[in-house]
């Protein structure tokens, strides 16, 4: 499964921690930063239970998430 967002990019320094529990990508204004930092951690844990994986890549102006899991 492939999901691509053209809304925002994730800085390279944040990619290694993206799936860490409670990690939120800094946006410069901590009061307007949304989320709990659990969403991607939960997705990763669910995929691991399905013997799958998830990866993220990001460049200027886009972010891509690739999830792989067995279908049978």
PDB file of N, CA and C in Angstrom:
ATOM      1  N   UNK A   1       0.850  -1.148   0.000  1.00  0.00           N
ATOM      2  CA  UNK A   1       0.000   0.000   0.000  1.00  0.00           C
ATOM      3  C   UNK A   1       0.906   1.224   0.000  1.00  0.00           C
ATOM      4  N   UNK A   2       0.565   2.206  -0.787  1.00  0.00           N
ATOM      5  CA  UNK A   2       1.362   3.421  -0.909  1.00  0.00           C
ATOM      6  C   UNK A   2       0.468   4.623  -0.661  1.00  0.00           C
ATOM      7  N   UNK A   3       0.895   5.514   0.230  1.00  0.00           N
ATOM      8  CA  UNK A   3       0.169   6.747   0.510  1.00  0.00           C
ATOM      9  C   UNK A   3       1.140   7.901   0.314  1.00  0.00           C
ATOM     10  N   UNK A   4       0.747   8.874  -0.503  1.00  0.00           N
ATOM     11  CA  UNK A   4       1.592  10.039  -0.763  1.00  0.00           C
ATOM     12  C   UNK A   4       0.821  11.295  -0.392  1.00  0.00           C
ATOM     13  N   UNK A   5       1.489  12.197   0.323  1.00  0.00           N
ATOM     14  CA  UNK A   5       0.893  13.473   0.694  1.00  0.00           C
ATOM     15  C   UNK A   5       1.694  14.606   0.075  1.00  0.00           C
ATOM     16  N   UNK A   6       1.001  15.503  -0.597  1.00  0.00           N
ATOM     17  CA  UNK A   6       1.637  16.696  -1.149  1.00  0.00           C
ATOM     18  C   UNK A   6       1.472  17.890  -0.220  1.00  0.00           C
ATOM     19  N   UNK A   7       0.897  17.670   0.946  1.00  0.00           N
ATOM     20  CA  UNK A   7       0.612  18.753   1.882  1.00  0.00           C
ATOM     21  C   UNK A   7       1.865  19.292   2.555  1.00  0.00           C
ATOM     22  N   UNK A   8       2.735  18.388   3.016  1.00  0.00           N
ATOM     23  CA  UNK A   8       3.913  18.827   3.773  1.00  0.00           C
ATOM     24  C   UNK A   8       4.998  17.776   3.680  1.00  0.00           C
ATOM     25  N   UNK A   9       6.214  18.222   3.906  1.00  0.00           N
ATOM     26  CA  UNK A   9       7.324  17.282   3.944  1.00  0.00           C
ATOM     27  C   UNK A   9       7.789  17.118   5.393  1.00  0.00           C
ATOM     28  N   UNK A  10       8.462  16.019   5.656  1.00  0.00           N
ATOM     29  CA  UNK A  10       9.003  15.733   6.982  1.00  0.00           C
ATOM     30  C   UNK A  10      10.508  15.940   6.903  1.00  0.00           C
ATOM     31  N   UNK A  11      11.076  16.751   7.792  1.00  0.00           N
ATOM     32  CA  UNK A  11      12.516  16.988   7.744  1.00  0.00           C
ATOM     33  C   UNK A  11      13.311  15.693   7.906  1.00  0.00           C
ATOM     34  N   UNK A  12      14.450  15.607   7.245  1.00  0.00           N
ATOM     35  CA  UNK A  12      15.279  14.394   7.277  1.00  0.00           C
ATOM     36  C   UNK A  12      15.663  14.001   8.699  1.00  0.00           C
ATOM     37  N   UNK A  13      15.901  14.981   9.575  1.00  0.00           N
ATOM     38  CA  UNK A  13      16.296  14.648  10.946  1.00  0.00           C
ATOM     39  C   UNK A  13      15.185  13.946  11.716  1.00  0.00           C
ATOM     40  N   UNK A  14      13.937  14.111  11.287  1.00  0.00           N
ATOM     41  CA  UNK A  14      12.803  13.524  11.997  1.00  0.00           C
ATOM     42  C   UNK A  14      12.467  12.110  11.530  1.00  0.00           C
ATOM     43  N   UNK A  15      12.880  11.731  10.335  1.00  0.00           N
ATOM     44  CA  UNK A  15      12.504  10.425   9.781  1.00  0.00           C
ATOM     45  C   UNK A  15      12.914   9.239  10.656  1.00  0.00           C
ATOM     46  N   UNK A  16      14.122   9.204  11.239  1.00  0.00           N
ATOM     47  CA  UNK A  16      14.485   8.043  12.065  1.00  0.00           C
ATOM     48  C   UNK A  16      13.612   7.871  13.312  1.00  0.00           C
ATOM     49  N   UNK A  17      12.991   8.948  13.791  1.00  0.00           N
ATOM     50  CA  UNK A  17      12.178   8.876  15.010  1.00  0.00           C
ATOM     51  C   UNK A  17      10.680   8.863  14.728  1.00  0.00           C
ATOM     52  N   UNK A  18      10.303   8.875  13.484  1.00  0.00           N
ATOM     53  CA  UNK A  18       8.911   9.065  13.088  1.00  0.00           C
ATOM     54  C   UNK A  18       7.954   8.045  13.701  1.00  0.00           C
ATOM     55  N   UNK A  19       8.408   6.812  13.912  1.00  0.00           N
ATOM     56  CA  UNK A  19       7.542   5.764  14.448  1.00  0.00           C
ATOM     57  C   UNK A  19       7.749   5.555  15.951  1.00  0.00           C
ATOM     58  N   UNK A  20       8.549   6.415  16.594  1.00  0.00           N
ATOM     59  CA  UNK A  20       8.755   6.334  18.046  1.00  0.00           C
ATOM     60  C   UNK A  20       7.499   6.793  18.780  1.00  0.00           C
ATOM     61  N   UNK A  21       7.203   6.108  19.861  1.00  0.00           N
ATOM     62  CA  UNK A  21       6.032   6.447  20.669  1.00  0.00           C
ATOM     63  C   UNK A  21       6.145   7.880  21.191  1.00  0.00           C
ATOM     64  N   UNK A  22       5.101   8.657  21.027  1.00  0.00           N
ATOM     65  CA  UNK A  22       4.950  10.043  21.481  1.00  0.00           C
ATOM     66  C   UNK A  22       5.809  11.056  20.721  1.00  0.00           C
ATOM     67  N   UNK A  23       6.482  10.636  19.655  1.00  0.00           N
ATOM     68  CA  UNK A  23       7.283  11.603  18.894  1.00  0.00           C
ATOM     69  C   UNK A  23       6.389  12.412  17.970  1.00  0.00           C
ATOM     70  N   UNK A  24       6.588  13.701  17.975  1.00  0.00           N
ATOM     71  CA  UNK A  24       5.882  14.602  17.064  1.00  0.00           C
ATOM     72  C   UNK A  24       6.916  15.451  16.345  1.00  0.00           C
ATOM     73  N   UNK A  25       6.760  15.595  15.059  1.00  0.00           N
ATOM     74  CA  UNK A  25       7.704  16.376  14.263  1.00  0.00           C
ATOM     75  C   UNK A  25       7.572  17.842  14.659  1.00  0.00           C
ATOM     76  N   UNK A  26       8.662  18.469  15.066  1.00  0.00           N
ATOM     77  CA  UNK A  26       8.589  19.887  15.448  1.00  0.00           C
ATOM     78  C   UNK A  26       8.189  20.756  14.256  1.00  0.00           C
ATOM     79  N   UNK A  27       7.321  21.722  14.518  1.00  0.00           N
ATOM     80  CA  UNK A  27       6.903  22.619  13.436  1.00  0.00           C
ATOM     81  C   UNK A  27       7.219  24.078  13.738  1.00  0.00           C
ATOM     82  N   UNK A  28       7.954  24.354  14.802  1.00  0.00           N
ATOM     83  CA  UNK A  28       8.327  25.725  15.127  1.00  0.00           C
ATOM     84  C   UNK A  28       7.393  26.387  16.120  1.00  0.00           C
ATOM     85  N   UNK A  29       6.149  25.935  16.212  1.00  0.00           N
ATOM     86  CA  UNK A  29       5.198  26.509  17.163  1.00  0.00           C
ATOM     87  C   UNK A  29       4.596  25.379  17.979  1.00  0.00           C
ATOM     88  N   UNK A  30       5.151  25.129  19.153  1.00  0.00           N
ATOM     89  CA  UNK A  30       4.716  23.978  19.941  1.00  0.00           C
ATOM     90  C   UNK A  30       3.254  24.055  20.371  1.00  0.00           C
ATOM     91  N   UNK A  31       2.653  25.233  20.371  1.00  0.00           N
ATOM     92  CA  UNK A  31       1.254  25.359  20.785  1.00  0.00           C
ATOM     93  C   UNK A  31       0.297  24.977  19.666  1.00  0.00           C
ATOM     94  N   UNK A  32       0.749  25.009  18.434  1.00  0.00           N
ATOM     95  CA  UNK A  32      -0.120  24.646  17.320  1.00  0.00           C
ATOM     96  C   UNK A  32       0.187  23.262  16.780  1.00  0.00           C
ATOM     97  N   UNK A  33       1.038  22.545  17.474  1.00  0.00           N
ATOM     98  CA  UNK A  33       1.427  21.202  17.045  1.00  0.00           C
ATOM     99  C   UNK A  33       0.352  20.222  17.511  1.00  0.00           C
ATOM    100  N   UNK A  34      -0.295  19.547  16.578  1.00  0.00           N
ATOM    101  CA  UNK A  34      -1.382  18.652  16.932  1.00  0.00           C
ATOM    102  C   UNK A  34      -0.945  17.215  17.090  1.00  0.00           C
ATOM    103  N   UNK A  35      -1.864  16.393  17.554  1.00  0.00           N
ATOM    104  CA  UNK A  35      -1.616  14.962  17.676  1.00  0.00           C
ATOM    105  C   UNK A  35      -0.950  14.582  18.980  1.00  0.00           C
ATOM    106  N   UNK A  36      -0.976  13.278  19.242  1.00  0.00           N
ATOM    107  CA  UNK A  36      -0.386  12.751  20.478  1.00  0.00           C
ATOM    108  C   UNK A  36       0.950  12.071  20.229  1.00  0.00           C
ATOM    109  N   UNK A  37       1.275  11.832  18.978  1.00  0.00           N
ATOM    110  CA  UNK A  37       2.505  11.115  18.666  1.00  0.00           C
ATOM    111  C   UNK A  37       2.347   9.610  18.752  1.00  0.00           C
ATOM    112  N   UNK A  38       1.119   9.132  18.716  1.00  0.00           N
ATOM    113  CA  UNK A  38       0.868   7.693  18.819  1.00  0.00           C
ATOM    114  C   UNK A  38       0.385   7.056  17.518  1.00  0.00           C
ATOM    115  N   UNK A  39      -0.127   7.836  16.598  1.00  0.00           N
ATOM    116  CA  UNK A  39      -0.750   7.288  15.391  1.00  0.00           C
ATOM    117  C   UNK A  39       0.157   6.391  14.568  1.00  0.00           C
ATOM    118  N   UNK A  40       1.334   6.877  14.205  1.00  0.00           N
ATOM    119  CA  UNK A  40       2.234   6.073  13.375  1.00  0.00           C
ATOM    120  C   UNK A  40       2.825   4.906  14.154  1.00  0.00           C
ATOM    121  N   UNK A  41       2.987   5.075  15.462  1.00  0.00           N
ATOM    122  CA  UNK A  41       3.448   3.958  16.299  1.00  0.00           C
ATOM    123  C   UNK A  41       2.426   2.833  16.272  1.00  0.00           C
ATOM    124  N   UNK A  42       1.144   3.179  16.396  1.00  0.00           N
ATOM    125  CA  UNK A  42       0.086   2.165  16.364  1.00  0.00           C
ATOM    126  C   UNK A  42       0.018   1.477  15.004  1.00  0.00           C
ATOM    127  N   UNK A  43       0.139   2.242  13.935  1.00  0.00           N
ATOM    128  CA  UNK A  43       0.140   1.653  12.589  1.00  0.00           C
ATOM    129  C   UNK A  43       1.286   0.661  12.454  1.00  0.00           C
ATOM    130  N   UNK A  44       2.470   1.050  12.915  1.00  0.00           N
ATOM    131  CA  UNK A  44       3.633   0.164  12.831  1.00  0.00           C
ATOM    132  C   UNK A  44       3.410  -1.118  13.633  1.00  0.00           C
ATOM    133  N   UNK A  45       2.871  -1.003  14.840  1.00  0.00           N
ATOM    134  CA  UNK A  45       2.631  -2.184  15.685  1.00  0.00           C
ATOM    135  C   UNK A  45       1.600  -3.119  15.053  1.00  0.00           C
ATOM    136  N   UNK A  46       0.548  -2.566  14.480  1.00  0.00           N
ATOM    137  CA  UNK A  46      -0.467  -3.391  13.812  1.00  0.00           C
ATOM    138  C   UNK A  46       0.147  -4.131  12.630  1.00  0.00           C
ATOM    139  N   UNK A  47       0.927  -3.415  11.828  1.00  0.00           N
ATOM    140  CA  UNK A  47       1.564  -4.060  10.675  1.00  0.00           C
ATOM    141  C   UNK A  47       2.554  -5.136  11.107  1.00  0.00           C
ATOM    142  N   UNK A  48       3.279  -4.911  12.198  1.00  0.00           N
ATOM    143  CA  UNK A  48       4.203  -5.932  12.703  1.00  0.00           C
ATOM    144  C   UNK A  48       3.448  -7.201  13.093  1.00  0.00           C
ATOM    145  N   UNK A  49       2.265  -7.045  13.683  1.00  0.00           N
ATOM    146  CA  UNK A  49       1.459  -8.220  14.054  1.00  0.00           C
ATOM    147  C   UNK A  49       0.945  -8.966  12.828  1.00  0.00           C
ATOM    148  N   UNK A  50       0.855  -8.262  11.719  1.00  0.00           N
ATOM    149  CA  UNK A  50       0.440  -8.875  10.455  1.00  0.00           C
ATOM    150  C   UNK A  50       1.646  -9.333   9.637  1.00  0.00           C
ATOM    151  N   UNK A  51       2.819  -9.353  10.264  1.00  0.00           N
ATOM    152  CA  UNK A  51       4.084  -9.687   9.583  1.00  0.00           C
ATOM    153  C   UNK A  51       4.380  -8.723   8.440  1.00  0.00           C
ATOM    154  N   UNK A  52       4.075  -7.458   8.667  1.00  0.00           N
ATOM    155  CA  UNK A  52       4.306  -6.437   7.655  1.00  0.00           C
ATOM    156  C   UNK A  52       5.283  -5.377   8.122  1.00  0.00           C
ATOM    157  N   UNK A  53       5.504  -4.405   7.252  1.00  0.00           N
ATOM    158  CA  UNK A  53       6.417  -3.299   7.541  1.00  0.00           C
ATOM    159  C   UNK A  53       5.829  -1.992   7.025  1.00  0.00           C
ATOM    160  N   UNK A  54       6.353  -0.890   7.541  1.00  0.00           N
ATOM    161  CA  UNK A  54       6.008   0.434   7.028  1.00  0.00           C
ATOM    162  C   UNK A  54       7.284   1.263   6.983  1.00  0.00           C
ATOM    163  N   UNK A  55       7.407   2.061   5.932  1.00  0.00           N
ATOM    164  CA  UNK A  55       8.554   2.946   5.760  1.00  0.00           C
ATOM    165  C   UNK A  55       8.051   4.318   5.332  1.00  0.00           C
ATOM    166  N   UNK A  56       8.825   5.338   5.661  1.00  0.00           N
ATOM    167  CA  UNK A  56       8.494   6.699   5.247  1.00  0.00           C
ATOM    168  C   UNK A  56       9.682   7.319   4.533  1.00  0.00           C
ATOM    169  N   UNK A  57       9.387   8.043   3.469  1.00  0.00           N
ATOM    170  CA  UNK A  57      10.389   8.850   2.782  1.00  0.00           C
ATOM    171  C   UNK A  57       9.788  10.229   2.558  1.00  0.00           C
ATOM    172  N   UNK A  58      10.639  11.228   2.524  1.00  0.00           N
ATOM    173  CA  UNK A  58      10.137  12.585   2.356  1.00  0.00           C
ATOM    174  C   UNK A  58      11.168  13.435   1.635  1.00  0.00           C
ATOM    175  N   UNK A  59      10.678  14.268   0.760  1.00  0.00           N
ATOM    176  CA  UNK A  59      11.505  15.253   0.070  1.00  0.00           C
ATOM    177  C   UNK A  59      10.720  16.551   0.033  1.00  0.00           C
ATOM    178  N   UNK A  60      11.300  17.549  -0.521  1.00  0.00           N
ATOM    179  CA  UNK A  60      10.685  18.870  -0.534  1.00  0.00           C
ATOM    180  C   UNK A  60       9.278  18.831  -1.131  1.00  0.00           C
ATOM    181  N   UNK A  61       8.283  19.091  -0.286  1.00  0.00           N
ATOM    182  CA  UNK A  61       6.911  19.193  -0.754  1.00  0.00           C
ATOM    183  C   UNK A  61       6.085  17.926  -0.749  1.00  0.00           C
ATOM    184  N   UNK A  62       6.659  16.777  -0.383  1.00  0.00           N
ATOM    185  CA  UNK A  62       5.860  15.549  -0.353  1.00  0.00           C
ATOM    186  C   UNK A  62       6.427  14.545   0.645  1.00  0.00           C
ATOM    187  N   UNK A  63       5.553  13.676   1.116  1.00  0.00           N
ATOM    188  CA  UNK A  63       5.921  12.572   2.002  1.00  0.00           C
ATOM    189  C   UNK A  63       5.232  11.322   1.494  1.00  0.00           C
ATOM    190  N   UNK A  64       5.943  10.207   1.544  1.00  0.00           N
ATOM    191  CA  UNK A  64       5.407   8.929   1.062  1.00  0.00           C
ATOM    192  C   UNK A  64       5.544   7.872   2.150  1.00  0.00           C
ATOM    193  N   UNK A  65       4.453   7.165   2.409  1.00  0.00           N
ATOM    194  CA  UNK A  65       4.450   6.025   3.326  1.00  0.00           C
ATOM    195  C   UNK A  65       4.193   4.764   2.514  1.00  0.00           C
ATOM    196  N   UNK A  66       5.023   3.752   2.719  1.00  0.00           N
ATOM    197  CA  UNK A  66       4.875   2.477   2.028  1.00  0.00           C
ATOM    198  C   UNK A  66       4.674   1.385   3.065  1.00  0.00           C
ATOM    199  N   UNK A  67       3.525   0.728   3.017  1.00  0.00           N
ATOM    200  CA  UNK A  67       3.223  -0.379   3.929  1.00  0.00           C
ATOM    201  C   UNK A  67       3.175  -1.667   3.120  1.00  0.00           C
ATOM    202  N   UNK A  68       3.835  -2.694   3.633  1.00  0.00           N
ATOM    203  CA  UNK A  68       3.815  -4.007   2.986  1.00  0.00           C
ATOM    204  C   UNK A  68       3.378  -5.036   4.015  1.00  0.00           C
ATOM    205  N   UNK A  69       2.461  -5.908   3.591  1.00  0.00           N
ATOM    206  CA  UNK A  69       1.983  -6.973   4.471  1.00  0.00           C
ATOM    207  C   UNK A  69       1.423  -8.093   3.615  1.00  0.00           C
ATOM    208  N   UNK A  70       1.465  -9.326   4.125  1.00  0.00           N
ATOM    209  CA  UNK A  70       0.931 -10.452   3.356  1.00  0.00           C
ATOM    210  C   UNK A  70      -0.585 -10.346   3.226  1.00  0.00           C
ATOM    211  N   UNK A  71      -1.097 -10.799   2.106  1.00  0.00           N
ATOM    212  CA  UNK A  71      -2.540 -10.715   1.870  1.00  0.00           C
ATOM    213  C   UNK A  71      -3.260 -12.031   2.101  1.00  0.00           C
ATOM    214  N   UNK A  72      -2.532 -13.068   2.429  1.00  0.00           N
ATOM    215  CA  UNK A  72      -3.210 -14.342   2.682  1.00  0.00           C
ATOM    216  C   UNK A  72      -2.779 -14.935   3.996  1.00  0.00           C
TER     217      UNK A  72
END
